[in-house]
Structure formats: structure tokens, C-alpha cells
Protein backbone atom coordinates (compact mmCIF):
# COMPACT_ATOMS: atom_id res chain seq x y z
CA UNK A 1 8.73 -16.38 0.09
CA UNK A 2 8.61 -15.03 3.35
CA UNK A 3 6.00 -14.17 5.79
CA UNK A 4 4.87 -10.78 7.20
CA UNK A 5 6.74 -11.47 10.46
CA UNK A 6 9.93 -12.52 8.52
CA UNK A 7 9.67 -9.29 6.48
CA UNK A 8 9.56 -7.08 9.62
CA UNK A 9 12.45 -8.97 11.38
CA UNK A 10 14.30 -8.43 7.73
CA UNK A 11 13.43 -4.85 7.37
CA UNK A 12 14.54 -2.80 10.26
CA UNK A 13 12.69 0.41 11.36
CA UNK A 14 9.41 -0.44 10.32
CA UNK A 15 6.25 -1.40 11.95
CA UNK A 16 3.27 -3.71 11.20
CA UNK A 17 1.26 -0.68 11.16
CA UNK A 18 3.31 0.94 8.34
CA UNK A 19 3.53 -2.13 6.22
CA UNK A 20 -0.16 -2.71 6.10
CA UNK A 21 -0.64 0.91 5.23
CA UNK A 22 2.07 0.35 2.36
CA UNK A 23 -0.11 -2.76 1.37
CA UNK A 24 -3.45 -1.16 1.64
CA UNK A 25 -2.18 1.71 -0.47
CA UNK A 26 -0.81 -0.82 -3.09
CA UNK A 27 2.64 0.14 -2.73
CA UNK A 28 3.51 -3.43 -1.91
CA UNK A 29 1.59 -6.21 -3.51
CA UNK A 30 2.41 -9.60 -1.51
CA UNK A 31 0.51 -12.39 -2.61
CA UNK A 32 -2.02 -14.58 -0.45
CA UNK A 33 -1.28 -18.27 0.73
CA UNK A 34 -4.38 -18.85 2.85
CA UNK A 35 -4.91 -16.45 5.56
CA UNK A 36 -1.22 -15.18 5.10
CA UNK A 37 0.80 -12.80 3.01
CA UNK A 38 3.85 -13.78 1.46
CA UNK A 39 6.21 -11.56 -0.01
CA UNK A 40 8.82 -12.32 -2.68
CA UNK A 41 12.22 -10.71 -3.43
CA UNK A 42 10.74 -7.99 -5.52
CA UNK A 43 8.26 -7.20 -2.60
CA UNK A 44 11.20 -6.97 0.05
CA UNK A 45 13.08 -4.48 -1.98
CA UNK A 46 10.05 -2.70 -2.22
CA UNK A 47 9.54 -2.92 1.54
CA UNK A 48 13.32 -1.89 1.74
CA UNK A 49 12.97 1.20 -0.55
CA UNK A 50 9.99 2.39 1.08
CA UNK A 51 11.30 2.44 4.76
CA UNK A 52 14.08 4.16 3.37
CA UNK A 53 11.70 7.01 1.44
CA UNK A 54 9.42 7.22 4.35
CA UNK A 55 11.69 6.48 7.40
CA UNK A 56 15.02 7.88 6.74
CA UNK A 57 14.26 10.39 4.39
CA UNK A 58 10.99 11.19 5.73
CA UNK A 59 9.28 11.59 1.99
CA UNK A 60 5.45 12.62 2.66
CA UNK A 61 2.93 10.11 2.01
CA UNK A 62 1.49 12.10 -1.00
CA UNK A 63 4.89 12.17 -2.65
CA UNK A 64 5.82 8.26 -2.43
CA UNK A 65 3.35 7.18 -5.24
CA UNK A 66 4.99 9.71 -7.67
CA UNK A 67 8.48 8.41 -6.67
CA UNK A 68 6.99 4.73 -7.01
CA UNK A 69 5.69 5.52 -10.01
CA UNK A 70 8.93 7.13 -11.51
CA UNK A 71 11.05 3.91 -10.27
CA UNK A 72 8.80 1.78 -12.18
CA UNK A 73 8.84 3.37 -15.20
CA UNK A 74 12.55 3.57 -15.16
CA UNK A 75 12.59 -0.44 -14.50
CA UNK A 76 10.20 -0.80 -17.17
CA UNK A 77 12.54 1.24 -19.84
CA UNK A 78 15.38 -1.07 -18.64
CA UNK A 79 13.30 -4.12 -19.28
CA UNK A 80 12.51 -2.80 -22.84
CA UNK A 81 16.22 -1.64 -23.32
CA UNK A 82 17.45 -5.21 -22.50
CA UNK A 83 14.70 -6.51 -25.01
CA UNK A 84 15.84 -4.17 -27.76
CA UNK A 85 19.68 -4.87 -27.27
CA UNK A 86 18.81 -8.66 -27.10
CA UNK A 87 17.07 -7.85 -30.63
CA UNK A 88 20.12 -6.04 -31.91
CA UNK A 89 22.71 -8.44 -30.70
CA UNK A 90 20.96 -11.17 -32.63
CA UNK A 91 21.32 -9.49 -36.12
CA UNK A 92 23.81 -9.90 -38.63
CA UNK A 93 27.11 -7.76 -37.83
CA UNK A 94 26.56 -5.52 -40.94
CA UNK A 95 22.93 -4.71 -39.49
CA UNK A 96 24.05 -4.06 -35.68
CA UNK A 97 27.24 -2.08 -37.28
CA UNK A 98 24.21 -0.27 -39.33
CA UNK A 99 22.00 0.39 -36.14
CA UNK A 100 24.61 1.46 -33.85
CA UNK A 101 25.94 4.04 -36.69
CA UNK A 102 22.40 5.43 -37.04
CA UNK A 103 21.77 5.84 -33.08
CA UNK A 104 25.32 7.65 -32.71
CA UNK A 105 24.03 9.98 -35.54
CA UNK A 106 20.91 10.36 -34.06
CA UNK A 107 22.52 11.25 -30.93
CA UNK A 108 24.52 14.01 -32.09
CA UNK A 109 21.82 15.58 -33.83
């Protein structure tokens, strides 16, 4: 876990004011450790994404929540697909073959 000062050093080009705005908007959700905020790897990735969107691409504040929501949905779908793929991999060979044939047939329709 890293602190607010650490993240400002790690992610170049953002200000403390920007970071605190992103936190107040719940675009980044660091944990609290006493009086301090602490950031995990996902928070750091989110701050880097926000820096790219807001600073580099100059995306407006009204569009950011929409973009973040879409990215979160993609990540959720990827996690679900990993679970489904794991469940399929755990099946006997004949069942996996049937699932894959059915999926290919449905894809062609």
C-alpha cells in the first residue's frame, strides 16, 4: 500500500487537488489507515487511467464516470468469462467438446 504523497510521486502530471477531486467523486476509492489514505495496485492503475483520460486526452469531467463505468463492466465480464472458462475446463473431454461445438454453432447463426 502506498500513501497519497507516494502516488503523487508515482503518477506524474497530477496534482493533489486533482487526486482529491477524483477521490471525492469516488472515481478512486483508497482505504483509510488512521488519518491517511492508502492506495493499492488497483487504485494506482485507476489513478494512471484518470491521468491519461483527464490530462493527456482532456476528457471532460462529465464523460469520465461513463468511461469508468464501461471499463468496469468490461473487467467484470472478463472475470465472469474466466470463471466460465474454468468451469468448462473442469468438465470431462466429451462435455467440453459439446460445449465448444454448441458455442461455435451459435456464433455462426
